[in-house]
Amino acid sequence: MKEYDVSDYGIFSDAIASTNALNDRVNDAKTTCSECESIMGDESVFMGPAADGCSQMIADLNSSISTITTNFTSISQYLSETSASYQAGDSEASKNVADLK
């Protein structure tokens, strides 16, 4: 784990990059699930009744993955907004100190 100073905005950019990387991987999983769901749908007539249950589980998984990607997007937005707020606050604080001199 990296060590960060309170004024080091790298913590935000690293967290945003990590969140985006996780979101990319989750989206890859969603694509894979969608492909599996399509294959199951196309071939379920030959796979028997268990295929219907598998198709439903894959559809449920896809729905859960959609929720996860929505959450990761919210996390990235929050981190971006928080980073901008901290940086603006530091800029304003520096300006106020300069004005006092």
N, C-alpha and C. Protein backbone atom coordinates (compact mmCIF):
# COMPACT_ATOMS: atom_id res chain seq x y z
N MET A 1 0.84 -1.17 0.00
CA MET A 1 0.00 0.00 0.00
C MET A 1 0.89 1.24 0.00
N LYS A 2 0.52 2.23 -0.81
CA LYS A 2 1.30 3.45 -0.91
C LYS A 2 1.04 4.35 0.28
N GLU A 3 2.05 5.14 0.64
CA GLU A 3 1.90 6.15 1.68
C GLU A 3 1.61 7.49 1.00
N TYR A 4 0.64 8.22 1.53
CA TYR A 4 0.27 9.51 0.96
C TYR A 4 0.30 10.58 2.02
N ASP A 5 0.70 11.77 1.62
CA ASP A 5 0.59 12.95 2.45
C ASP A 5 -0.82 13.50 2.26
N VAL A 6 -1.34 14.20 3.25
CA VAL A 6 -2.70 14.73 3.17
C VAL A 6 -2.88 15.63 1.95
N SER A 7 -1.84 16.38 1.58
CA SER A 7 -1.96 17.29 0.46
C SER A 7 -1.60 16.64 -0.88
N ASP A 8 -1.37 15.35 -0.87
CA ASP A 8 -0.99 14.63 -2.09
C ASP A 8 -2.26 14.19 -2.83
N TYR A 9 -2.52 14.84 -3.94
CA TYR A 9 -3.74 14.53 -4.69
C TYR A 9 -3.60 13.23 -5.48
N GLY A 10 -2.43 12.64 -5.45
CA GLY A 10 -2.22 11.35 -6.10
C GLY A 10 -3.15 10.28 -5.54
N ILE A 11 -3.51 10.44 -4.27
CA ILE A 11 -4.41 9.46 -3.66
C ILE A 11 -5.74 9.43 -4.41
N PHE A 12 -6.20 10.59 -4.86
CA PHE A 12 -7.46 10.64 -5.60
C PHE A 12 -7.30 10.07 -7.00
N SER A 13 -6.24 10.47 -7.69
CA SER A 13 -6.08 9.98 -9.06
C SER A 13 -5.82 8.47 -9.07
N ASP A 14 -5.07 7.98 -8.09
CA ASP A 14 -4.84 6.53 -8.00
C ASP A 14 -6.15 5.79 -7.70
N ALA A 15 -6.95 6.34 -6.78
CA ALA A 15 -8.23 5.71 -6.45
C ALA A 15 -9.18 5.72 -7.64
N ILE A 16 -9.21 6.82 -8.38
CA ILE A 16 -10.05 6.91 -9.57
C ILE A 16 -9.58 5.90 -10.62
N ALA A 17 -8.27 5.82 -10.83
CA ALA A 17 -7.73 4.86 -11.80
C ALA A 17 -8.05 3.43 -11.40
N SER A 18 -7.92 3.12 -10.10
CA SER A 18 -8.24 1.76 -9.63
C SER A 18 -9.72 1.45 -9.81
N THR A 19 -10.57 2.41 -9.48
CA THR A 19 -12.00 2.21 -9.64
C THR A 19 -12.36 2.00 -11.10
N ASN A 20 -11.76 2.80 -11.98
CA ASN A 20 -12.03 2.64 -13.41
C ASN A 20 -11.53 1.30 -13.93
N ALA A 21 -10.37 0.85 -13.44
CA ALA A 21 -9.84 -0.46 -13.85
C ALA A 21 -10.77 -1.58 -13.39
N LEU A 22 -11.25 -1.47 -12.16
CA LEU A 22 -12.20 -2.47 -11.67
C LEU A 22 -13.48 -2.46 -12.51
N ASN A 23 -13.96 -1.27 -12.83
CA ASN A 23 -15.16 -1.15 -13.64
C ASN A 23 -14.96 -1.79 -15.02
N ASP A 24 -13.78 -1.58 -15.60
CA ASP A 24 -13.48 -2.21 -16.90
C ASP A 24 -13.54 -3.73 -16.80
N ARG A 25 -12.97 -4.28 -15.74
CA ARG A 25 -12.98 -5.73 -15.57
C ARG A 25 -14.39 -6.26 -15.35
N VAL A 26 -15.17 -5.52 -14.57
CA VAL A 26 -16.56 -5.92 -14.33
C VAL A 26 -17.34 -5.87 -15.65
N ASN A 27 -17.08 -4.85 -16.46
CA ASN A 27 -17.75 -4.77 -17.77
C ASN A 27 -17.34 -5.93 -18.66
N ASP A 28 -16.09 -6.36 -18.58
CA ASP A 28 -15.66 -7.55 -19.33
C ASP A 28 -16.44 -8.78 -18.87
N ALA A 29 -16.65 -8.89 -17.57
CA ALA A 29 -17.43 -10.01 -17.03
C ALA A 29 -18.87 -9.95 -17.53
N LYS A 30 -19.42 -8.74 -17.60
CA LYS A 30 -20.79 -8.58 -18.10
C LYS A 30 -20.88 -9.03 -19.55
N THR A 31 -19.89 -8.67 -20.34
CA THR A 31 -19.86 -9.10 -21.75
C THR A 31 -19.83 -10.62 -21.83
N THR A 32 -18.99 -11.24 -21.01
CA THR A 32 -18.90 -12.70 -20.99
C THR A 32 -20.24 -13.33 -20.58
N CYS A 33 -20.87 -12.75 -19.55
CA CYS A 33 -22.18 -13.27 -19.12
C CYS A 33 -23.21 -13.13 -20.23
N SER A 34 -23.20 -12.02 -20.92
CA SER A 34 -24.15 -11.81 -22.02
C SER A 34 -23.93 -12.83 -23.12
N GLU A 35 -22.67 -13.12 -23.41
CA GLU A 35 -22.35 -14.13 -24.43
C GLU A 35 -22.84 -15.50 -23.98
N CYS A 36 -22.62 -15.82 -22.72
CA CYS A 36 -23.08 -17.11 -22.18
C CYS A 36 -24.60 -17.21 -22.23
N GLU A 37 -25.25 -16.12 -21.88
CA GLU A 37 -26.71 -16.10 -21.90
C GLU A 37 -27.24 -16.34 -23.32
N SER A 38 -26.57 -15.74 -24.28
CA SER A 38 -26.97 -15.92 -25.67
C SER A 38 -26.77 -17.36 -26.13
N ILE A 39 -25.63 -17.93 -25.78
CA ILE A 39 -25.35 -19.32 -26.15
C ILE A 39 -26.38 -20.25 -25.50
N MET A 40 -26.64 -20.00 -24.20
CA MET A 40 -27.63 -20.83 -23.50
C MET A 40 -29.00 -20.73 -24.17
N GLY A 41 -29.37 -19.51 -24.56
CA GLY A 41 -30.66 -19.32 -25.20
C GLY A 41 -30.75 -20.05 -26.52
N ASP A 42 -29.65 -20.00 -27.27
CA ASP A 42 -29.63 -20.65 -28.58
C ASP A 42 -29.64 -22.17 -28.48
N GLU A 43 -29.03 -22.71 -27.46
CA GLU A 43 -28.83 -24.15 -27.36
C GLU A 43 -29.68 -24.82 -26.28
N SER A 44 -30.47 -24.05 -25.54
CA SER A 44 -31.18 -24.63 -24.40
C SER A 44 -32.12 -25.75 -24.78
N VAL A 45 -32.66 -25.72 -25.98
CA VAL A 45 -33.57 -26.78 -26.41
C VAL A 45 -32.85 -28.14 -26.41
N PHE A 46 -31.54 -28.11 -26.62
CA PHE A 46 -30.77 -29.35 -26.66
C PHE A 46 -30.17 -29.71 -25.30
N MET A 47 -30.15 -28.75 -24.37
CA MET A 47 -29.48 -28.94 -23.08
C MET A 47 -30.41 -29.46 -21.99
N GLY A 48 -31.67 -29.44 -22.20
CA GLY A 48 -32.61 -29.95 -21.20
C GLY A 48 -33.07 -28.88 -20.25
N PRO A 49 -33.92 -29.28 -19.29
CA PRO A 49 -34.54 -28.33 -18.38
C PRO A 49 -33.56 -27.56 -17.49
N ALA A 50 -32.44 -28.13 -17.16
CA ALA A 50 -31.47 -27.44 -16.31
C ALA A 50 -30.94 -26.17 -16.98
N ALA A 51 -30.97 -26.15 -18.31
CA ALA A 51 -30.48 -24.99 -19.03
C ALA A 51 -31.30 -23.75 -18.73
N ASP A 52 -32.61 -23.93 -18.52
CA ASP A 52 -33.46 -22.77 -18.19
C ASP A 52 -33.03 -22.15 -16.87
N GLY A 53 -32.75 -22.99 -15.89
CA GLY A 53 -32.27 -22.49 -14.60
C GLY A 53 -30.94 -21.76 -14.73
N CYS A 54 -30.06 -22.32 -15.54
CA CYS A 54 -28.76 -21.68 -15.77
C CYS A 54 -28.94 -20.34 -16.47
N SER A 55 -29.82 -20.29 -17.43
CA SER A 55 -30.08 -19.04 -18.14
C SER A 55 -30.58 -17.97 -17.18
N GLN A 56 -31.46 -18.36 -16.27
CA GLN A 56 -31.99 -17.40 -15.30
C GLN A 56 -30.89 -16.92 -14.36
N MET A 57 -30.02 -17.83 -13.93
CA MET A 57 -28.92 -17.44 -13.04
C MET A 57 -27.98 -16.47 -13.74
N ILE A 58 -27.71 -16.71 -15.01
CA ILE A 58 -26.83 -15.81 -15.77
C ILE A 58 -27.50 -14.44 -15.93
N ALA A 59 -28.81 -14.44 -16.19
CA ALA A 59 -29.53 -13.17 -16.30
C ALA A 59 -29.48 -12.41 -14.97
N ASP A 60 -29.63 -13.12 -13.85
CA ASP A 60 -29.56 -12.49 -12.53
C ASP A 60 -28.15 -11.93 -12.28
N LEU A 61 -27.14 -12.69 -12.67
CA LEU A 61 -25.77 -12.24 -12.52
C LEU A 61 -25.53 -10.97 -13.34
N ASN A 62 -26.04 -10.94 -14.56
CA ASN A 62 -25.92 -9.76 -15.41
C ASN A 62 -26.55 -8.55 -14.74
N SER A 63 -27.70 -8.74 -14.12
CA SER A 63 -28.37 -7.65 -13.43
C SER A 63 -27.52 -7.14 -12.26
N SER A 64 -26.93 -8.05 -11.52
CA SER A 64 -26.05 -7.67 -10.40
C SER A 64 -24.83 -6.92 -10.90
N ILE A 65 -24.27 -7.38 -11.99
CA ILE A 65 -23.10 -6.71 -12.56
C ILE A 65 -23.45 -5.28 -12.97
N SER A 66 -24.64 -5.09 -13.52
CA SER A 66 -25.07 -3.74 -13.89
C SER A 66 -25.11 -2.82 -12.67
N THR A 67 -25.56 -3.35 -11.55
CA THR A 67 -25.60 -2.58 -10.31
C THR A 67 -24.18 -2.24 -9.86
N ILE A 68 -23.28 -3.18 -9.97
CA ILE A 68 -21.88 -2.95 -9.58
C ILE A 68 -21.27 -1.84 -10.44
N THR A 69 -21.48 -1.88 -11.75
CA THR A 69 -20.90 -0.85 -12.62
C THR A 69 -21.49 0.52 -12.31
N THR A 70 -22.75 0.57 -11.99
CA THR A 70 -23.37 1.84 -11.60
C THR A 70 -22.71 2.37 -10.33
N ASN A 71 -22.45 1.49 -9.37
CA ASN A 71 -21.79 1.90 -8.13
C ASN A 71 -20.37 2.38 -8.39
N PHE A 72 -19.62 1.68 -9.24
CA PHE A 72 -18.25 2.11 -9.55
C PHE A 72 -18.26 3.47 -10.23
N THR A 73 -19.22 3.73 -11.09
CA THR A 73 -19.32 5.03 -11.74
C THR A 73 -19.58 6.11 -10.69
N SER A 74 -20.46 5.83 -9.75
CA SER A 74 -20.74 6.78 -8.67
C SER A 74 -19.50 7.04 -7.82
N ILE A 75 -18.75 5.99 -7.54
CA ILE A 75 -17.53 6.13 -6.75
C ILE A 75 -16.53 7.02 -7.48
N SER A 76 -16.33 6.80 -8.77
CA SER A 76 -15.40 7.61 -9.55
C SER A 76 -15.82 9.08 -9.56
N GLN A 77 -17.11 9.32 -9.73
CA GLN A 77 -17.61 10.71 -9.72
C GLN A 77 -17.38 11.36 -8.36
N TYR A 78 -17.66 10.61 -7.30
CA TYR A 78 -17.45 11.13 -5.95
C TYR A 78 -15.98 11.48 -5.72
N LEU A 79 -15.09 10.58 -6.12
CA LEU A 79 -13.66 10.84 -5.94
C LEU A 79 -13.21 12.05 -6.74
N SER A 80 -13.70 12.19 -7.96
CA SER A 80 -13.34 13.35 -8.80
C SER A 80 -13.83 14.65 -8.16
N GLU A 81 -15.06 14.65 -7.68
CA GLU A 81 -15.62 15.84 -7.04
C GLU A 81 -14.87 16.17 -5.75
N THR A 82 -14.55 15.15 -4.97
CA THR A 82 -13.84 15.37 -3.71
C THR A 82 -12.45 15.91 -3.97
N SER A 83 -11.77 15.35 -4.95
CA SER A 83 -10.43 15.82 -5.31
C SER A 83 -10.48 17.29 -5.73
N ALA A 84 -11.44 17.63 -6.59
CA ALA A 84 -11.56 19.02 -7.05
C ALA A 84 -11.86 19.95 -5.88
N SER A 85 -12.68 19.50 -4.96
CA SER A 85 -13.03 20.31 -3.79
C SER A 85 -11.80 20.55 -2.91
N TYR A 86 -11.03 19.51 -2.66
CA TYR A 86 -9.82 19.67 -1.85
C TYR A 86 -8.83 20.60 -2.53
N GLN A 87 -8.65 20.42 -3.82
CA GLN A 87 -7.69 21.25 -4.54
C GLN A 87 -8.15 22.71 -4.55
N ALA A 88 -9.44 22.94 -4.75
CA ALA A 88 -9.97 24.31 -4.73
C ALA A 88 -9.80 24.92 -3.34
N GLY A 89 -10.04 24.12 -2.31
CA GLY A 89 -9.88 24.60 -0.94
C GLY A 89 -8.45 24.97 -0.65
N ASP A 90 -7.50 24.16 -1.11
CA ASP A 90 -6.08 24.47 -0.90
C ASP A 90 -5.69 25.73 -1.64
N SER A 91 -6.21 25.88 -2.84
CA SER A 91 -5.92 27.07 -3.64
C SER A 91 -6.45 28.32 -2.95
N GLU A 92 -7.67 28.22 -2.45
CA GLU A 92 -8.28 29.35 -1.73
C GLU A 92 -7.52 29.65 -0.44
N ALA A 93 -7.11 28.62 0.28
CA ALA A 93 -6.35 28.81 1.52
C ALA A 93 -5.02 29.48 1.23
N SER A 94 -4.35 29.05 0.16
CA SER A 94 -3.07 29.67 -0.22
C SER A 94 -3.26 31.14 -0.57
N LYS A 95 -4.33 31.44 -1.28
CA LYS A 95 -4.65 32.83 -1.66
C LYS A 95 -4.89 33.66 -0.40
N ASN A 96 -5.63 33.11 0.55
CA ASN A 96 -5.93 33.84 1.79
C ASN A 96 -4.65 34.12 2.59
N VAL A 97 -3.75 33.15 2.64
CA VAL A 97 -2.47 33.34 3.35
C VAL A 97 -1.66 34.41 2.64
N ALA A 98 -1.63 34.38 1.32
CA ALA A 98 -0.89 35.39 0.55
C ALA A 98 -1.48 36.77 0.78
N ASP A 99 -2.79 36.87 0.88
CA ASP A 99 -3.45 38.17 1.11
C ASP A 99 -3.11 38.74 2.49
N LEU A 100 -2.82 37.86 3.44
CA LEU A 100 -2.50 38.31 4.80
C LEU A 100 -1.09 38.89 4.91
N LYS A 101 -0.25 38.53 3.98
CA LYS A 101 1.16 38.99 4.04
C LYS A 101 1.30 40.44 3.69
